[in-house]
Amino acid sequence: MANFFDVVVVGGGFGGVCAVVAAARTGAKTLLLERYGFLGGMATAGLVNPFMTYFAGGKQIIEGIFSEILEGLGQRGGLGERGRIFDEELLKLVLDELVLSSGAEIRFHSYLSGVEKKKRLIKSAEFQGKSGAEKFEAQIFVDATGDGDLAALVGCPYEKGRKEDGLAQAMTLCFRVAGVDMDKVPGEDW
């Protein structure tokens, strides 16, 4: 038996969070499904920091729900230098509160495993989680996964890498180092 929602968003990074909050604020019954145990996508799971600039000509050009995220981080002391560096753990908390206060539901540890279509529309999507398989039906499904997993499962065409050889950008490794004696670090740019 499937659970029914007006809007189901797959993926809890920034795009998914903004999509589910915007939908829930219209009064739609919404659900956000996330494969990890927290929101934030690669900003929190992959330590991808800082925010790229959201200013032009001295004016903030990205606002809306993103401004609410910045405000929540700022109130908790989770926003650093020039409003770009953020605390990943506090970001998780801010995103949770934002989604839940919108009236949307969240299911963590939910991995997309299948879809059922009726003609060209998605009828339902199945997820595997800690409690087993769950099926969700919705009028609208939003693919906010980083890799377009939902779109690929329903058969949407896609390209991977460069046309001529299929190569893509190399992986990036983000990490933190602590306990560094900065007086012994060479160079003046530090």
N, C-alpha and C. Protein backbone atom coordinates (compact mmCIF):
# COMPACT_ATOMS: atom_id res chain seq x y z
N MET A 1 0.84 -1.18 0.00
CA MET A 1 0.00 0.00 0.00
C MET A 1 0.88 1.24 0.00
N ALA A 2 0.54 2.19 -0.83
CA ALA A 2 1.34 3.41 -0.97
C ALA A 2 0.78 4.53 -0.11
N ASN A 3 1.67 5.37 0.36
CA ASN A 3 1.31 6.60 1.06
C ASN A 3 1.16 7.69 0.00
N PHE A 4 0.15 8.55 0.13
CA PHE A 4 -0.07 9.58 -0.89
C PHE A 4 0.32 10.96 -0.38
N PHE A 5 1.01 11.71 -1.25
CA PHE A 5 1.40 13.09 -0.99
C PHE A 5 1.10 13.90 -2.24
N ASP A 6 0.94 15.21 -2.06
CA ASP A 6 0.81 16.08 -3.22
C ASP A 6 2.16 16.19 -3.94
N VAL A 7 3.23 16.39 -3.13
CA VAL A 7 4.57 16.56 -3.67
C VAL A 7 5.54 15.69 -2.90
N VAL A 8 6.33 14.90 -3.63
CA VAL A 8 7.42 14.12 -3.04
C VAL A 8 8.72 14.63 -3.65
N VAL A 9 9.64 15.03 -2.77
CA VAL A 9 10.95 15.51 -3.20
C VAL A 9 11.99 14.46 -2.81
N VAL A 10 12.79 14.06 -3.77
CA VAL A 10 13.82 13.05 -3.54
C VAL A 10 15.17 13.76 -3.50
N GLY A 11 15.82 13.75 -2.34
CA GLY A 11 17.12 14.38 -2.17
C GLY A 11 17.04 15.59 -1.28
N GLY A 12 17.82 15.60 -0.19
CA GLY A 12 17.73 16.65 0.82
C GLY A 12 18.89 17.62 0.83
N GLY A 13 19.48 17.89 -0.34
CA GLY A 13 20.47 18.96 -0.42
C GLY A 13 19.75 20.30 -0.47
N PHE A 14 20.47 21.35 -0.85
CA PHE A 14 19.85 22.68 -0.89
C PHE A 14 18.67 22.74 -1.84
N GLY A 15 18.78 22.15 -3.01
CA GLY A 15 17.67 22.17 -3.96
C GLY A 15 16.44 21.46 -3.43
N GLY A 16 16.65 20.29 -2.82
CA GLY A 16 15.53 19.54 -2.26
C GLY A 16 14.88 20.24 -1.09
N VAL A 17 15.69 20.81 -0.21
CA VAL A 17 15.16 21.54 0.94
C VAL A 17 14.32 22.72 0.46
N CYS A 18 14.86 23.50 -0.46
CA CYS A 18 14.11 24.67 -0.95
C CYS A 18 12.83 24.25 -1.67
N ALA A 19 12.89 23.17 -2.45
CA ALA A 19 11.69 22.69 -3.16
C ALA A 19 10.62 22.24 -2.19
N VAL A 20 10.98 21.47 -1.18
CA VAL A 20 9.97 20.93 -0.26
C VAL A 20 9.40 22.04 0.63
N VAL A 21 10.23 22.98 1.05
CA VAL A 21 9.74 24.09 1.87
C VAL A 21 8.78 24.95 1.05
N ALA A 22 9.15 25.28 -0.17
CA ALA A 22 8.29 26.11 -1.03
C ALA A 22 6.95 25.41 -1.28
N ALA A 23 6.99 24.11 -1.56
CA ALA A 23 5.75 23.36 -1.81
C ALA A 23 4.88 23.30 -0.56
N ALA A 24 5.49 23.02 0.59
CA ALA A 24 4.73 22.90 1.83
C ALA A 24 4.08 24.23 2.21
N ARG A 25 4.77 25.31 1.94
CA ARG A 25 4.22 26.63 2.28
C ARG A 25 3.01 27.01 1.43
N THR A 26 2.77 26.31 0.34
CA THR A 26 1.56 26.55 -0.46
C THR A 26 0.38 25.76 0.09
N GLY A 27 0.64 24.92 1.08
CA GLY A 27 -0.42 24.09 1.64
C GLY A 27 -0.41 22.66 1.12
N ALA A 28 0.52 22.35 0.22
CA ALA A 28 0.60 20.99 -0.32
C ALA A 28 1.12 20.03 0.74
N LYS A 29 0.59 18.81 0.73
CA LYS A 29 1.09 17.76 1.61
C LYS A 29 2.39 17.26 0.98
N THR A 30 3.50 17.50 1.68
CA THR A 30 4.81 17.26 1.08
C THR A 30 5.65 16.30 1.90
N LEU A 31 6.54 15.62 1.19
CA LEU A 31 7.46 14.67 1.82
C LEU A 31 8.82 14.83 1.19
N LEU A 32 9.85 14.87 2.04
CA LEU A 32 11.24 14.90 1.60
C LEU A 32 11.89 13.59 1.98
N LEU A 33 12.46 12.90 1.00
CA LEU A 33 13.14 11.62 1.24
C LEU A 33 14.63 11.82 1.03
N GLU A 34 15.42 11.42 2.01
CA GLU A 34 16.87 11.64 1.99
C GLU A 34 17.59 10.35 2.33
N ARG A 35 18.61 10.04 1.55
CA ARG A 35 19.35 8.79 1.74
C ARG A 35 20.21 8.76 3.00
N TYR A 36 20.71 9.92 3.43
CA TYR A 36 21.53 9.98 4.64
C TYR A 36 20.65 10.24 5.86
N GLY A 37 21.24 10.34 7.01
CA GLY A 37 20.51 10.60 8.24
C GLY A 37 20.42 12.07 8.58
N PHE A 38 20.65 12.93 7.59
CA PHE A 38 20.63 14.38 7.80
C PHE A 38 20.49 15.06 6.46
N LEU A 39 20.13 16.35 6.51
CA LEU A 39 19.96 17.14 5.29
C LEU A 39 21.25 17.90 4.97
N GLY A 40 21.28 18.49 3.79
CA GLY A 40 22.40 19.35 3.41
C GLY A 40 23.20 18.86 2.22
N GLY A 41 22.96 17.63 1.79
CA GLY A 41 23.69 17.13 0.62
C GLY A 41 25.18 17.16 0.83
N MET A 42 25.90 17.53 -0.20
CA MET A 42 27.36 17.52 -0.14
C MET A 42 27.92 18.64 0.75
N ALA A 43 27.11 19.66 1.05
CA ALA A 43 27.57 20.69 1.98
C ALA A 43 27.81 20.10 3.36
N THR A 44 26.98 19.14 3.77
CA THR A 44 27.13 18.53 5.09
C THR A 44 27.77 17.14 5.00
N ALA A 45 27.40 16.35 4.03
CA ALA A 45 27.94 14.99 3.92
C ALA A 45 29.36 14.98 3.36
N GLY A 46 29.67 15.94 2.49
CA GLY A 46 30.97 15.97 1.84
C GLY A 46 31.86 17.12 2.26
N LEU A 47 31.41 17.89 3.25
CA LEU A 47 32.17 19.04 3.76
C LEU A 47 32.50 20.05 2.66
N VAL A 48 31.60 20.22 1.69
CA VAL A 48 31.83 21.17 0.61
C VAL A 48 31.47 22.56 1.14
N ASN A 49 32.49 23.34 1.40
CA ASN A 49 32.41 24.61 2.08
C ASN A 49 33.46 25.51 1.44
N PRO A 50 33.29 26.77 1.26
CA PRO A 50 32.26 27.68 1.71
C PRO A 50 31.15 27.84 0.69
N PHE A 51 30.13 28.65 1.05
CA PHE A 51 29.15 29.06 0.06
C PHE A 51 29.88 29.88 -0.99
N MET A 52 29.58 29.67 -2.25
CA MET A 52 30.12 30.56 -3.27
C MET A 52 29.45 31.91 -3.09
N THR A 53 30.05 32.94 -3.63
CA THR A 53 29.51 34.28 -3.38
C THR A 53 28.07 34.40 -3.84
N TYR A 54 27.29 35.07 -3.05
CA TYR A 54 25.89 35.34 -3.38
C TYR A 54 25.66 36.84 -3.40
N PHE A 55 26.73 37.57 -3.67
CA PHE A 55 26.69 39.03 -3.78
C PHE A 55 27.18 39.45 -5.15
N ALA A 56 26.67 40.56 -5.64
CA ALA A 56 27.16 41.20 -6.86
C ALA A 56 26.99 42.70 -6.67
N GLY A 57 28.06 43.44 -6.93
CA GLY A 57 27.99 44.89 -6.76
C GLY A 57 27.67 45.30 -5.34
N GLY A 58 28.11 44.52 -4.36
CA GLY A 58 27.86 44.84 -2.96
C GLY A 58 26.45 44.53 -2.49
N LYS A 59 25.64 43.89 -3.33
CA LYS A 59 24.25 43.59 -2.98
C LYS A 59 24.02 42.07 -3.02
N GLN A 60 23.28 41.56 -2.03
CA GLN A 60 22.94 40.14 -2.02
C GLN A 60 21.96 39.87 -3.16
N ILE A 61 22.29 38.89 -4.02
CA ILE A 61 21.46 38.60 -5.19
C ILE A 61 20.71 37.28 -5.08
N ILE A 62 21.04 36.47 -4.10
CA ILE A 62 20.32 35.22 -3.85
C ILE A 62 19.64 35.39 -2.51
N GLU A 63 18.31 35.35 -2.52
CA GLU A 63 17.58 35.63 -1.28
C GLU A 63 16.59 34.52 -1.00
N GLY A 64 15.38 34.84 -0.60
CA GLY A 64 14.34 33.85 -0.36
C GLY A 64 14.71 32.87 0.74
N ILE A 65 14.50 31.60 0.48
CA ILE A 65 14.74 30.55 1.48
C ILE A 65 16.22 30.51 1.85
N PHE A 66 17.10 30.82 0.91
CA PHE A 66 18.53 30.85 1.23
C PHE A 66 18.82 31.89 2.31
N SER A 67 18.16 33.03 2.26
CA SER A 67 18.34 34.05 3.30
C SER A 67 17.88 33.52 4.66
N GLU A 68 16.83 32.72 4.68
CA GLU A 68 16.37 32.12 5.93
C GLU A 68 17.42 31.15 6.49
N ILE A 69 18.07 30.43 5.59
CA ILE A 69 19.14 29.52 6.02
C ILE A 69 20.29 30.33 6.61
N LEU A 70 20.69 31.40 5.95
CA LEU A 70 21.76 32.25 6.45
C LEU A 70 21.40 32.83 7.81
N GLU A 71 20.15 33.29 7.95
CA GLU A 71 19.70 33.86 9.22
C GLU A 71 19.76 32.82 10.33
N GLY A 72 19.30 31.60 10.05
CA GLY A 72 19.34 30.54 11.05
C GLY A 72 20.76 30.21 11.45
N LEU A 73 21.67 30.17 10.49
CA LEU A 73 23.08 29.92 10.81
C LEU A 73 23.66 31.06 11.63
N GLY A 74 23.35 32.29 11.23
CA GLY A 74 23.86 33.46 11.94
C GLY A 74 23.40 33.50 13.39
N GLN A 75 22.14 33.17 13.63
CA GLN A 75 21.59 33.18 14.99
C GLN A 75 22.26 32.16 15.89
N ARG A 76 22.79 31.10 15.30
CA ARG A 76 23.43 30.04 16.08
C ARG A 76 24.95 30.14 16.08
N GLY A 77 25.49 31.19 15.48
CA GLY A 77 26.94 31.35 15.42
C GLY A 77 27.58 30.39 14.43
N GLY A 78 26.81 29.96 13.44
CA GLY A 78 27.32 28.98 12.48
C GLY A 78 27.74 29.55 11.16
N LEU A 79 27.90 30.86 11.08
CA LEU A 79 28.27 31.52 9.83
C LEU A 79 29.54 32.30 10.08
N GLY A 80 30.58 31.96 9.33
CA GLY A 80 31.89 32.57 9.57
C GLY A 80 32.19 33.73 8.65
N GLU A 81 33.44 33.82 8.33
CA GLU A 81 34.03 34.91 7.54
C GLU A 81 33.17 35.36 6.37
N ARG A 82 32.78 36.62 6.38
CA ARG A 82 32.02 37.26 5.30
C ARG A 82 30.76 36.49 4.93
N GLY A 83 30.22 35.70 5.85
CA GLY A 83 28.98 34.99 5.59
C GLY A 83 29.10 33.86 4.59
N ARG A 84 30.30 33.37 4.36
CA ARG A 84 30.48 32.31 3.37
C ARG A 84 30.84 30.97 4.00
N ILE A 85 31.64 30.97 5.04
CA ILE A 85 32.04 29.73 5.70
C ILE A 85 30.95 29.37 6.70
N PHE A 86 30.57 28.09 6.73
CA PHE A 86 29.48 27.68 7.61
C PHE A 86 29.87 26.44 8.40
N ASP A 87 29.22 26.26 9.52
CA ASP A 87 29.39 25.08 10.36
C ASP A 87 28.42 24.01 9.86
N GLU A 88 28.95 22.90 9.39
CA GLU A 88 28.11 21.85 8.79
C GLU A 88 27.12 21.25 9.77
N GLU A 89 27.51 21.09 11.02
CA GLU A 89 26.60 20.50 12.00
C GLU A 89 25.45 21.44 12.31
N LEU A 90 25.72 22.73 12.42
CA LEU A 90 24.64 23.69 12.64
C LEU A 90 23.77 23.83 11.40
N LEU A 91 24.36 23.68 10.22
CA LEU A 91 23.57 23.71 8.99
C LEU A 91 22.55 22.57 8.97
N LYS A 92 22.94 21.38 9.41
CA LYS A 92 22.00 20.26 9.50
C LYS A 92 20.80 20.63 10.37
N LEU A 93 21.07 21.25 11.50
CA LEU A 93 20.00 21.65 12.43
C LEU A 93 19.09 22.70 11.79
N VAL A 94 19.68 23.71 11.17
CA VAL A 94 18.90 24.78 10.54
C VAL A 94 18.00 24.21 9.44
N LEU A 95 18.53 23.32 8.62
CA LEU A 95 17.73 22.74 7.53
C LEU A 95 16.60 21.87 8.07
N ASP A 96 16.88 21.07 9.09
CA ASP A 96 15.82 20.27 9.73
C ASP A 96 14.69 21.16 10.22
N GLU A 97 15.04 22.21 10.96
CA GLU A 97 14.03 23.10 11.52
C GLU A 97 13.24 23.80 10.42
N LEU A 98 13.91 24.21 9.36
CA LEU A 98 13.25 24.90 8.26
C LEU A 98 12.22 23.99 7.59
N VAL A 99 12.61 22.75 7.31
CA VAL A 99 11.70 21.81 6.65
C VAL A 99 10.53 21.48 7.57
N LEU A 100 10.81 21.14 8.81
CA LEU A 100 9.73 20.74 9.72
C LEU A 100 8.79 21.90 10.01
N SER A 101 9.31 23.12 10.14
CA SER A 101 8.45 24.27 10.42
C SER A 101 7.57 24.62 9.22
N SER A 102 7.94 24.15 8.03
CA SER A 102 7.12 24.41 6.84
C SER A 102 5.90 23.50 6.78
N GLY A 103 5.92 22.43 7.59
CA GLY A 103 4.83 21.46 7.58
C GLY A 103 5.13 20.22 6.75
N ALA A 104 6.28 20.19 6.11
CA ALA A 104 6.67 19.01 5.33
C ALA A 104 7.13 17.89 6.26
N GLU A 105 7.06 16.67 5.75
CA GLU A 105 7.59 15.52 6.48
C GLU A 105 8.95 15.16 5.91
N ILE A 106 9.78 14.52 6.73
CA ILE A 106 11.10 14.05 6.28
C ILE A 106 11.21 12.57 6.59
N ARG A 107 11.77 11.82 5.66
CA ARG A 107 12.14 10.42 5.92
C ARG A 107 13.63 10.30 5.61
N PHE A 108 14.41 10.02 6.65
CA PHE A 108 15.85 9.82 6.47
C PHE A 108 16.15 8.36 6.17
N HIS A 109 17.37 8.08 5.77
CA HIS A 109 17.82 6.71 5.48
C HIS A 109 16.89 6.03 4.48
N SER A 110 16.46 6.80 3.48
CA SER A 110 15.52 6.29 2.47
C SER A 110 16.18 6.37 1.11
N TYR A 111 16.48 5.21 0.56
CA TYR A 111 17.21 5.11 -0.70
C TYR A 111 16.24 4.74 -1.82
N LEU A 112 16.20 5.57 -2.85
CA LEU A 112 15.32 5.33 -4.00
C LEU A 112 15.68 4.01 -4.67
N SER A 113 14.69 3.11 -4.80
CA SER A 113 14.98 1.79 -5.36
C SER A 113 14.14 1.43 -6.58
N GLY A 114 13.08 2.17 -6.84
CA GLY A 114 12.26 1.84 -8.00
C GLY A 114 11.17 2.85 -8.24
N VAL A 115 10.62 2.82 -9.44
CA VAL A 115 9.51 3.71 -9.79
C VAL A 115 8.46 2.93 -10.58
N GLU A 116 7.23 3.41 -10.50
CA GLU A 116 6.15 2.86 -11.30
C GLU A 116 5.56 4.02 -12.10
N LYS A 117 5.48 3.83 -13.41
CA LYS A 117 4.95 4.88 -14.27
C LYS A 117 3.59 4.47 -14.82
N LYS A 118 2.80 5.47 -15.13
CA LYS A 118 1.56 5.27 -15.85
C LYS A 118 1.67 6.19 -17.06
N LYS A 119 1.81 5.57 -18.22
CA LYS A 119 2.14 6.31 -19.43
C LYS A 119 3.45 7.04 -19.22
N ARG A 120 3.45 8.37 -19.30
CA ARG A 120 4.70 9.12 -19.16
C ARG A 120 4.84 9.77 -17.79
N LEU A 121 3.94 9.47 -16.88
CA LEU A 121 3.98 10.09 -15.56
C LEU A 121 4.41 9.09 -14.49
N ILE A 122 5.08 9.60 -13.46
CA ILE A 122 5.45 8.75 -12.33
C ILE A 122 4.22 8.57 -11.47
N LYS A 123 3.85 7.34 -11.24
CA LYS A 123 2.71 7.03 -10.38
C LYS A 123 3.17 6.88 -8.93
N SER A 124 4.28 6.16 -8.75
CA SER A 124 4.80 5.96 -7.39
C SER A 124 6.31 5.72 -7.45
N ALA A 125 6.91 5.89 -6.29
CA ALA A 125 8.35 5.62 -6.15
C ALA A 125 8.53 4.77 -4.90
N GLU A 126 9.45 3.83 -4.98
CA GLU A 126 9.71 2.94 -3.86
C GLU A 126 11.08 3.26 -3.27
N PHE A 127 11.13 3.20 -1.95
CA PHE A 127 12.36 3.50 -1.22
C PHE A 127 12.65 2.39 -0.24
N GLN A 128 13.93 2.11 -0.08
CA GLN A 128 14.38 1.15 0.93
C GLN A 128 14.91 1.96 2.11
N GLY A 129 14.52 1.56 3.31
CA GLY A 129 14.98 2.28 4.49
C GLY A 129 15.18 1.33 5.64
N LYS A 130 15.40 1.89 6.81
CA LYS A 130 15.65 1.09 8.01
C LYS A 130 14.46 0.20 8.36
N SER A 131 13.26 0.60 7.95
CA SER A 131 12.06 -0.19 8.25
C SER A 131 11.62 -1.05 7.07
N GLY A 132 12.46 -1.16 6.07
CA GLY A 132 12.10 -1.95 4.90
C GLY A 132 11.68 -1.07 3.74
N ALA A 133 10.89 -1.64 2.83
CA ALA A 133 10.47 -0.93 1.62
C ALA A 133 9.21 -0.11 1.91
N GLU A 134 9.17 1.09 1.34
CA GLU A 134 7.97 1.93 1.41
C GLU A 134 7.71 2.49 0.03
N LYS A 135 6.43 2.59 -0.31
CA LYS A 135 6.03 3.13 -1.61
C LYS A 135 5.26 4.42 -1.37
N PHE A 136 5.55 5.42 -2.21
CA PHE A 136 4.89 6.71 -2.10
C PHE A 136 4.32 7.11 -3.44
N GLU A 137 3.06 7.57 -3.43
CA GLU A 137 2.42 8.13 -4.62
C GLU A 137 2.34 9.63 -4.44
N ALA A 138 2.39 10.35 -5.56
CA ALA A 138 2.30 11.81 -5.49
C ALA A 138 1.79 12.35 -6.82
N GLN A 139 1.23 13.55 -6.76
CA GLN A 139 0.86 14.24 -7.98
C GLN A 139 2.12 14.75 -8.68
N ILE A 140 3.10 15.18 -7.86
CA ILE A 140 4.34 15.74 -8.40
C ILE A 140 5.52 15.10 -7.68
N PHE A 141 6.49 14.65 -8.46
CA PHE A 141 7.77 14.18 -7.92
C PHE A 141 8.85 15.15 -8.36
N VAL A 142 9.73 15.51 -7.44
CA VAL A 142 10.84 16.41 -7.74
C VAL A 142 12.13 15.63 -7.54
N ASP A 143 12.96 15.58 -8.57
CA ASP A 143 14.26 14.92 -8.48
C ASP A 143 15.29 15.96 -8.05
N ALA A 144 15.65 15.92 -6.77
CA ALA A 144 16.67 16.82 -6.24
C ALA A 144 17.90 16.03 -5.82
N THR A 145 18.05 14.84 -6.40
CA THR A 145 19.24 14.04 -6.12
C THR A 145 20.41 14.68 -6.86
N GLY A 146 21.58 14.53 -6.34
CA GLY A 146 22.75 15.12 -6.98
C GLY A 146 23.06 14.53 -8.34
N ASP A 147 22.62 13.30 -8.58
CA ASP A 147 22.96 12.61 -9.82
C ASP A 147 21.78 12.36 -10.74
N GLY A 148 20.62 12.91 -10.43
CA GLY A 148 19.45 12.69 -11.27
C GLY A 148 18.96 11.26 -11.21
N ASP A 149 19.02 10.66 -10.03
CA ASP A 149 18.66 9.24 -9.87
C ASP A 149 17.21 8.95 -10.27
N LEU A 150 16.28 9.80 -9.85
CA LEU A 150 14.88 9.57 -10.18
C LEU A 150 14.66 9.69 -11.68
N ALA A 151 15.22 10.71 -12.28
CA ALA A 151 15.09 10.90 -13.73
C ALA A 151 15.66 9.71 -14.49
N ALA A 152 16.81 9.22 -14.06
CA ALA A 152 17.42 8.07 -14.74
C ALA A 152 16.56 6.82 -14.60
N LEU A 153 15.99 6.61 -13.40
CA LEU A 153 15.15 5.42 -13.18
C LEU A 153 13.89 5.42 -14.05
N VAL A 154 13.35 6.60 -14.35
CA VAL A 154 12.14 6.64 -15.18
C VAL A 154 12.47 6.65 -16.67
N GLY A 155 13.76 6.66 -17.00
CA GLY A 155 14.16 6.54 -18.39
C GLY A 155 14.42 7.84 -19.12
N CYS A 156 14.60 8.94 -18.39
CA CYS A 156 14.95 10.20 -19.04
C CYS A 156 16.34 10.08 -19.66
N PRO A 157 16.52 10.65 -20.83
CA PRO A 157 17.86 10.61 -21.44
C PRO A 157 18.82 11.50 -20.65
N TYR A 158 20.09 11.12 -20.64
CA TYR A 158 21.11 11.92 -19.95
C TYR A 158 22.46 11.69 -20.61
N GLU A 159 23.36 12.58 -20.33
CA GLU A 159 24.74 12.45 -20.80
C GLU A 159 25.65 12.40 -19.60
N LYS A 160 26.76 11.70 -19.73
CA LYS A 160 27.73 11.63 -18.65
C LYS A 160 29.10 11.93 -19.24
N GLY A 161 29.74 12.95 -18.72
CA GLY A 161 31.08 13.31 -19.18
C GLY A 161 31.08 14.03 -20.52
N ARG A 162 32.29 14.22 -21.03
CA ARG A 162 32.45 14.89 -22.31
C ARG A 162 31.95 14.01 -23.44
N LYS A 163 31.43 14.65 -24.47
CA LYS A 163 30.91 13.89 -25.61
C LYS A 163 31.97 13.03 -26.26
N GLU A 164 33.17 13.58 -26.43
CA GLU A 164 34.19 12.86 -27.19
C GLU A 164 34.78 11.63 -26.50
N ASP A 165 34.86 11.63 -25.17
CA ASP A 165 35.49 10.48 -24.51
C ASP A 165 34.82 10.04 -23.20
N GLY A 166 33.75 10.72 -22.80
CA GLY A 166 33.03 10.33 -21.58
C GLY A 166 33.71 10.70 -20.28
N LEU A 167 34.87 11.35 -20.36
CA LEU A 167 35.57 11.72 -19.14
C LEU A 167 34.85 12.86 -18.42
N ALA A 168 34.92 12.83 -17.10
CA ALA A 168 34.28 13.84 -16.26
C ALA A 168 35.33 14.43 -15.32
N GLN A 169 34.96 15.50 -14.63
CA GLN A 169 35.86 16.13 -13.68
C GLN A 169 36.27 15.12 -12.62
N ALA A 170 37.53 15.17 -12.23
CA ALA A 170 38.03 14.27 -11.20
C ALA A 170 37.36 14.55 -9.87
N MET A 171 37.34 13.56 -9.01
CA MET A 171 36.75 13.71 -7.67
C MET A 171 37.54 14.74 -6.87
N THR A 172 36.86 15.37 -5.93
CA THR A 172 37.49 16.32 -5.02
C THR A 172 37.43 15.73 -3.63
N LEU A 173 38.51 15.88 -2.88
CA LEU A 173 38.54 15.40 -1.51
C LEU A 173 38.57 16.60 -0.58
N CYS A 174 37.54 16.75 0.23
CA CYS A 174 37.48 17.82 1.22
C CYS A 174 37.82 17.22 2.57
N PHE A 175 38.60 17.94 3.36
CA PHE A 175 38.98 17.44 4.68
C PHE A 175 39.32 18.62 5.58
N ARG A 176 39.46 18.34 6.85
CA ARG A 176 39.82 19.34 7.84
C ARG A 176 41.12 18.92 8.51
N VAL A 177 41.88 19.90 8.91
CA VAL A 177 43.10 19.67 9.68
C VAL A 177 42.99 20.52 10.93
N ALA A 178 43.32 19.96 12.07
CA ALA A 178 43.24 20.70 13.33
C ALA A 178 44.58 20.63 14.04
N GLY A 179 44.78 21.54 14.95
CA GLY A 179 46.00 21.52 15.77
C GLY A 179 47.25 21.95 15.02
N VAL A 180 47.09 22.79 14.00
CA VAL A 180 48.22 23.23 13.19
C VAL A 180 48.86 24.45 13.85
N ASP A 181 50.17 24.42 13.99
CA ASP A 181 50.91 25.58 14.49
C ASP A 181 51.10 26.52 13.32
N MET A 182 50.24 27.53 13.21
CA MET A 182 50.25 28.43 12.05
C MET A 182 51.55 29.22 11.92
N ASP A 183 52.29 29.37 13.03
CA ASP A 183 53.58 30.07 12.96
C ASP A 183 54.61 29.29 12.16
N LYS A 184 54.40 27.98 12.02
CA LYS A 184 55.34 27.13 11.29
C LYS A 184 54.91 26.84 9.86
N VAL A 185 53.75 27.36 9.47
CA VAL A 185 53.26 27.14 8.11
C VAL A 185 53.95 28.14 7.18
N PRO A 186 54.61 27.65 6.10
CA PRO A 186 55.30 28.58 5.20
C PRO A 186 54.32 29.41 4.38
N GLY A 187 54.77 30.58 3.97
CA GLY A 187 53.95 31.42 3.10
C GLY A 187 53.21 32.47 3.90
N GLU A 188 52.83 33.54 3.22
CA GLU A 188 52.15 34.64 3.91
C GLU A 188 50.68 34.70 3.58
N ASP A 189 50.21 33.82 2.72
CA ASP A 189 48.80 33.84 2.29
C ASP A 189 47.88 33.16 3.30
N TRP A 190 48.44 32.58 4.34
CA TRP A 190 47.63 31.82 5.29
C TRP A 190 46.98 32.77 6.24
